[in-house]
PDB file of N, CA and C in Angstrom:
ATOM      1  N   MET A   1     190.432-103.103 -68.762  1.00  0.00           N
ATOM      2  CA  MET A   1     189.264-102.556 -69.452  1.00  0.00           C
ATOM      3  C   MET A   1     189.146-101.869 -70.457  1.00  0.00           C
ATOM      4  N   THR A   2     190.444-100.949 -70.811  1.00  0.00           N
ATOM      5  CA  THR A   2     190.606-100.158 -71.982  1.00  0.00           C
ATOM      6  C   THR A   2     190.953-101.417 -73.340  1.00  0.00           C
ATOM      7  N   GLU A   3     191.361-102.523 -73.008  1.00  0.00           N
ATOM      8  CA  GLU A   3     191.563-103.376 -74.314  1.00  0.00           C
ATOM      9  C   GLU A   3     190.185-103.900 -74.401  1.00  0.00           C
ATOM     10  N   ALA A   4     189.488-104.419 -73.535  1.00  0.00           N
ATOM     11  CA  ALA A   4     187.917-105.055 -73.647  1.00  0.00           C
ATOM     12  C   ALA A   4     187.163-103.859 -74.728  1.00  0.00           C
ATOM     13  N   VAL A   5     187.468-102.691 -74.393  1.00  0.00           N
ATOM     14  CA  VAL A   5     186.430-101.759 -75.006  1.00  0.00           C
ATOM     15  C   VAL A   5     186.947-101.615 -76.585  1.00  0.00           C
ATOM     16  N   ALA A   6     188.367-101.615 -76.741  1.00  0.00           N
ATOM     17  CA  ALA A   6     189.032-101.527 -77.887  1.00  0.00           C
ATOM     18  C   ALA A   6     188.412-102.693 -78.878  1.00  0.00           C
ATOM     19  N   GLU A   7     188.243-104.093 -77.999  1.00  0.00           N
ATOM     20  CA  GLU A   7     187.941-105.181 -78.808  1.00  0.00           C
ATOM     21  C   GLU A   7     186.686-105.033 -78.950  1.00  0.00           C
ATOM     22  N   ARG A   8     185.691-104.437 -78.259  1.00  0.00           N
ATOM     23  CA  ARG A   8     184.362-104.327 -78.607  1.00  0.00           C
ATOM     24  C   ARG A   8     184.193-103.527 -79.910  1.00  0.00           C
ATOM     25  N   GLN A   9     184.984-102.555 -79.763  1.00  0.00           N
ATOM     26  CA  GLN A   9     184.719-101.405 -80.820  1.00  0.00           C
ATOM     27  C   GLN A   9     185.475-102.140 -82.430  1.00  0.00           C
ATOM     28  N   ARG A  10     186.317-102.785 -82.135  1.00  0.00           N
ATOM     29  CA  ARG A  10     187.266-103.356 -83.507  1.00  0.00           C
ATOM     30  C   ARG A  10     186.350-104.299 -83.855  1.00  0.00           C
ATOM     31  N   VAL A  11     185.298-105.202 -83.346  1.00  0.00           N
ATOM     32  CA  VAL A  11     184.245-106.011 -83.911  1.00  0.00           C
ATOM     33  C   VAL A  11     183.306-105.480 -84.535  1.00  0.00           C
ATOM     34  N   LEU A  12     182.614-104.489 -83.784  1.00  0.00           N
ATOM     35  CA  LEU A  12     181.562-103.990 -84.375  1.00  0.00           C
ATOM     36  C   LEU A  12     181.890-103.045 -85.524  1.00  0.00           C
ATOM     37  N   CYS A  13     183.233-102.282 -85.577  1.00  0.00           N
ATOM     38  CA  CYS A  13     183.576-101.812 -87.059  1.00  0.00           C
ATOM     39  C   CYS A  13     183.955-102.736 -87.935  1.00  0.00           C
ATOM     40  N   GLU A  14     184.386-103.975 -87.763  1.00  0.00           N
ATOM     41  CA  GLU A  14     184.399-104.932 -88.780  1.00  0.00           C
ATOM     42  C   GLU A  14     182.948-105.704 -88.938  1.00  0.00           C
ATOM     43  N   TRP A  15     181.896-105.599 -88.370  1.00  0.00           N
ATOM     44  CA  TRP A  15     180.547-105.801 -88.907  1.00  0.00           C
ATOM     45  C   TRP A  15     180.318-104.518 -89.639  1.00  0.00           C
ATOM     46  N   ILE A  16     180.095-103.126 -89.423  1.00  0.00           N
ATOM     47  CA  ILE A  16     179.888-102.415 -89.864  1.00  0.00           C
ATOM     48  C   ILE A  16     180.453-102.243 -91.516  1.00  0.00           C
ATOM     49  N   ASP A  17     181.585-102.501 -91.432  1.00  0.00           N
ATOM     50  CA  ASP A  17     182.548-102.616 -92.713  1.00  0.00           C
ATOM     51  C   ASP A  17     181.807-103.536 -93.505  1.00  0.00           C
ATOM     52  N   GLU A  18     181.621-104.909 -93.127  1.00  0.00           N
ATOM     53  CA  GLU A  18     180.775-105.780 -93.775  1.00  0.00           C
ATOM     54  C   GLU A  18     179.422-105.465 -94.493  1.00  0.00           C
ATOM     55  N   GLY A  19     178.725-104.791 -93.420  1.00  0.00           N
ATOM     56  CA  GLY A  19     177.429-104.255 -93.816  1.00  0.00           C
ATOM     57  C   GLY A  19     177.434-103.179 -94.998  1.00  0.00           C
ATOM     58  N   CYS A  20     178.828-102.480 -95.151  1.00  0.00           N
ATOM     59  CA  CYS A  20     178.780-101.394 -95.869  1.00  0.00           C
ATOM     60  C   CYS A  20     179.215-101.839 -97.174  1.00  0.00           C
ATOM     61  N   GLU A  21     180.183-102.927 -97.487  1.00  0.00           N
ATOM     62  CA  GLU A  21     180.515-103.722 -98.428  1.00  0.00           C
ATOM     63  C   GLU A  21     179.519-104.407 -99.259  1.00  0.00           C
ATOM     64  N   SER A  22     178.767-105.216 -98.422  1.00  0.00           N
ATOM     65  CA  SER A  22     177.262-105.976 -98.887  1.00  0.00           C
ATOM     66  C   SER A  22     176.315-104.918 -99.335  1.00  0.00           C
ATOM     67  N   GLY A  23     176.512-103.920 -98.937  1.00  0.00           N
ATOM     68  CA  GLY A  23     175.263-102.942 -99.327  1.00  0.00           C
ATOM     69  C   GLY A  23     174.035-103.078 -98.180  1.00  0.00           C
ATOM     70  N   GLU A  24     174.163-103.618 -97.180  1.00  0.00           N
ATOM     71  CA  GLU A  24     173.105-103.626 -96.309  1.00  0.00           C
ATOM     72  C   GLU A  24     173.155-102.393 -95.585  1.00  0.00           C
ATOM     73  N   LEU A  25     174.443-101.742 -95.455  1.00  0.00           N
ATOM     74  CA  LEU A  25     174.390-100.291 -94.753  1.00  0.00           C
ATOM     75  C   LEU A  25     174.822 -99.217 -95.693  1.00  0.00           C
ATOM     76  N   SER A  26     174.584 -98.188 -95.399  1.00  0.00           N
ATOM     77  CA  SER A  26     175.253 -96.972 -96.249  1.00  0.00           C
ATOM     78  C   SER A  26     175.369 -95.686 -95.330  1.00  0.00           C
ATOM     79  N   ILE A  27     176.715 -95.594 -94.967  1.00  0.00           N
ATOM     80  CA  ILE A  27     176.925 -94.457 -94.106  1.00  0.00           C
ATOM     81  C   ILE A  27     177.698 -93.680 -94.765  1.00  0.00           C
ATOM     82  N   ASP A  28     177.852 -92.053 -94.371  1.00  0.00           N
ATOM     83  CA  ASP A  28     178.438 -90.828 -94.780  1.00  0.00           C
ATOM     84  C   ASP A  28     179.576 -90.581 -94.102  1.00  0.00           C
ATOM     85  N   PHE A  29     180.111 -91.645 -93.196  1.00  0.00           N
ATOM     86  CA  PHE A  29     181.421 -90.980 -92.077  1.00  0.00           C
ATOM     87  C   PHE A  29     181.923 -92.634 -91.730  1.00  0.00           C
ATOM     88  N   PRO A  30     183.042 -92.489 -90.910  1.00  0.00           N
ATOM     89  CA  PRO A  30     183.978 -93.719 -90.995  1.00  0.00           C
ATOM     90  C   PRO A  30     183.327 -94.465 -90.058  1.00  0.00           C
ATOM     91  N   PRO A  31     183.360 -95.862 -90.394  1.00  0.00           N
ATOM     92  CA  PRO A  31     182.812 -96.863 -89.731  1.00  0.00           C
ATOM     93  C   PRO A  31     183.005 -96.960 -88.178  1.00  0.00           C
ATOM     94  N   ASN A  32     184.161 -96.698 -87.687  1.00  0.00           N
ATOM     95  CA  ASN A  32     184.670 -96.647 -86.478  1.00  0.00           C
ATOM     96  C   ASN A  32     184.302 -95.264 -85.809  1.00  0.00           C
ATOM     97  N   ALA A  33     183.842 -94.289 -86.312  1.00  0.00           N
ATOM     98  CA  ALA A  33     183.055 -93.245 -85.506  1.00  0.00           C
ATOM     99  C   ALA A  33     181.413 -94.151 -85.167  1.00  0.00           C
ATOM    100  N   LEU A  34     181.080 -94.613 -86.101  1.00  0.00           N
ATOM    101  CA  LEU A  34     179.502 -95.368 -85.698  1.00  0.00           C
ATOM    102  C   LEU A  34     179.712 -96.155 -84.676  1.00  0.00           C
ATOM    103  N   ALA A  35     180.801 -97.297 -85.017  1.00  0.00           N
ATOM    104  CA  ALA A  35     180.983 -98.294 -83.850  1.00  0.00           C
ATOM    105  C   ALA A  35     181.117 -97.236 -82.506  1.00  0.00           C
ATOM    106  N   ALA A  36     181.942 -96.322 -82.311  1.00  0.00           N
ATOM    107  CA  ALA A  36     182.182 -95.632 -81.301  1.00  0.00           C
ATOM    108  C   ALA A  36     181.065 -95.065 -80.638  1.00  0.00           C
ATOM    109  N   LEU A  37     180.248 -94.609 -81.672  1.00  0.00           N
ATOM    110  CA  LEU A  37     178.695 -93.922 -81.249  1.00  0.00           C
ATOM    111  C   LEU A  37     177.625 -95.048 -80.732  1.00  0.00           C
ATOM    112  N   LEU A  38     177.837 -95.964 -81.427  1.00  0.00           N
ATOM    113  CA  LEU A  38     176.669 -97.118 -80.953  1.00  0.00           C
ATOM    114  C   LEU A  38     177.075 -98.077 -79.589  1.00  0.00           C
ATOM    115  N   LEU A  39     178.806 -98.102 -79.343  1.00  0.00           N
ATOM    116  CA  LEU A  39     179.070 -98.639 -78.159  1.00  0.00           C
ATOM    117  C   LEU A  39     178.930 -97.437 -76.825  1.00  0.00           C
ATOM    118  N   ALA A  40     178.950 -96.196 -77.137  1.00  0.00           N
ATOM    119  CA  ALA A  40     178.432 -95.442 -76.186  1.00  0.00           C
ATOM    120  C   ALA A  40     177.239 -95.112 -75.816  1.00  0.00           C
ATOM    121  N   ILE A  41     176.306 -95.392 -76.779  1.00  0.00           N
ATOM    122  CA  ILE A  41     175.129 -95.296 -76.482  1.00  0.00           C
ATOM    123  C   ILE A  41     174.610 -96.669 -75.559  1.00  0.00           C
ATOM    124  N   SER A  42     175.203 -97.701 -75.722  1.00  0.00           N
ATOM    125  CA  SER A  42     174.494 -98.998 -75.074  1.00  0.00           C
ATOM    126  C   SER A  42     175.536 -99.116 -73.936  1.00  0.00           C
ATOM    127  N   ASP A  43     176.623 -98.343 -73.628  1.00  0.00           N
ATOM    128  CA  ASP A  43     176.949 -98.477 -72.547  1.00  0.00           C
ATOM    129  C   ASP A  43     176.292 -97.611 -71.429  1.00  0.00           C
ATOM    130  N   GLY A  44     175.944 -96.345 -72.163  1.00  0.00           N
ATOM    131  CA  GLY A  44     175.578 -95.013 -71.330  1.00  0.00           C
ATOM    132  C   GLY A  44     173.923 -95.557 -70.867  1.00  0.00           C
ATOM    133  N   LEU A  45     172.975 -96.289 -71.443  1.00  0.00           N
ATOM    134  CA  LEU A  45     172.053 -97.111 -71.096  1.00  0.00           C
ATOM    135  C   LEU A  45     172.303 -98.271 -70.076  1.00  0.00           C
ATOM    136  N   VAL A  46     173.220 -99.257 -70.235  1.00  0.00           N
ATOM    137  CA  VAL A  46     173.474 -99.995 -69.350  1.00  0.00           C
ATOM    138  C   VAL A  46     173.586 -99.134 -68.078  1.00  0.00           C
ATOM    139  N   LEU A  47     174.469 -98.321 -67.873  1.00  0.00           N
ATOM    140  CA  LEU A  47     174.640 -97.598 -66.784  1.00  0.00           C
ATOM    141  C   LEU A  47     173.518 -97.093 -66.218  1.00  0.00           C
ATOM    142  N   HIS A  48     172.782 -96.288 -67.027  1.00  0.00           N
ATOM    143  CA  HIS A  48     171.399 -95.578 -66.378  1.00  0.00           C
ATOM    144  C   HIS A  48     170.611 -96.402 -65.718  1.00  0.00           C
ATOM    145  N   TYR A  49     170.610 -97.687 -66.488  1.00  0.00           N
ATOM    146  CA  TYR A  49     169.880 -98.933 -65.897  1.00  0.00           C
ATOM    147  C   TYR A  49     170.222 -99.370 -64.842  1.00  0.00           C
ATOM    148  N   ALA A  50     171.594 -99.359 -64.676  1.00  0.00           N
ATOM    149  CA  ALA A  50     172.118 -99.801 -63.236  1.00  0.00           C
ATOM    150  C   ALA A  50     171.877 -98.669 -62.034  1.00  0.00           C
ATOM    151  N   LEU A  51     171.528 -97.626 -62.337  1.00  0.00           N
ATOM    152  CA  LEU A  51     171.446 -96.521 -61.672  1.00  0.00           C
ATOM    153  C   LEU A  51     170.144 -96.707 -61.105  1.00  0.00           C
ATOM    154  N   ASP A  52     169.098 -96.747 -62.197  1.00  0.00           N
ATOM    155  CA  ASP A  52     167.667 -96.513 -62.014  1.00  0.00           C
ATOM    156  C   ASP A  52     167.124 -97.409 -62.780  1.00  0.00           C
ATOM    157  N   PRO A  53     166.763 -98.948 -62.150  1.00  0.00           N
ATOM    158  CA  PRO A  53     166.417 -99.755 -63.183  1.00  0.00           C
ATOM    159  C   PRO A  53     164.807 -99.471 -63.633  1.00  0.00           C
ATOM    160  N   HIS A  54     164.101 -98.778 -62.709  1.00  0.00           N
ATOM    161  CA  HIS A  54     162.661 -98.327 -63.015  1.00  0.00           C
ATOM    162  C   HIS A  54     162.492 -96.796 -62.584  1.00  0.00           C
ATOM    163  N   PRO A  55     162.903 -96.057 -63.833  1.00  0.00           N
ATOM    164  CA  PRO A  55     162.853 -94.422 -63.685  1.00  0.00           C
ATOM    165  C   PRO A  55     161.237 -93.971 -63.593  1.00  0.00           C
ATOM    166  N   LEU A  56     160.237 -94.626 -64.086  1.00  0.00           N
ATOM    167  CA  LEU A  56     159.165 -94.010 -63.982  1.00  0.00           C
ATOM    168  C   LEU A  56     158.165 -94.894 -62.727  1.00  0.00           C
ATOM    169  N   GLY A  57     158.901 -95.500 -61.848  1.00  0.00           N
ATOM    170  CA  GLY A  57     158.315 -95.944 -60.779  1.00  0.00           C
ATOM    171  C   GLY A  57     158.095 -97.519 -61.353  1.00  0.00           C
ATOM    172  N   LYS A  58     157.303 -98.016 -60.063  1.00  0.00           N
ATOM    173  CA  LYS A  58     157.120 -99.815 -60.252  1.00  0.00           C
ATOM    174  C   LYS A  58     156.224-100.142 -60.897  1.00  0.00           C
ATOM    175  N   ASP A  59     154.803 -98.919 -61.067  1.00  0.00           N
ATOM    176  CA  ASP A  59     153.809 -99.289 -61.571  1.00  0.00           C
ATOM    177  C   ASP A  59     153.598 -99.098 -63.069  1.00  0.00           C
ATOM    178  N   GLN A  60     154.651 -97.957 -63.761  1.00  0.00           N
ATOM    179  CA  GLN A  60     154.524 -97.417 -65.191  1.00  0.00           C
ATOM    180  C   GLN A  60     155.386 -98.173 -65.905  1.00  0.00           C
TER     181      GLN A  60
END
């Protein structure tokens, strides 16, 4: 599991680096920090959905 998470972060960090180099992205902190933050958010969203796929009820 640790290796899979590290690989996801490495790939995302590469994409962020490429975006910064091409001018598509401009960030004021390390690309690996943004990669870790984005992965933590996405993992959290997936976990919350798995625990409660309809948090507002069926009809909402």
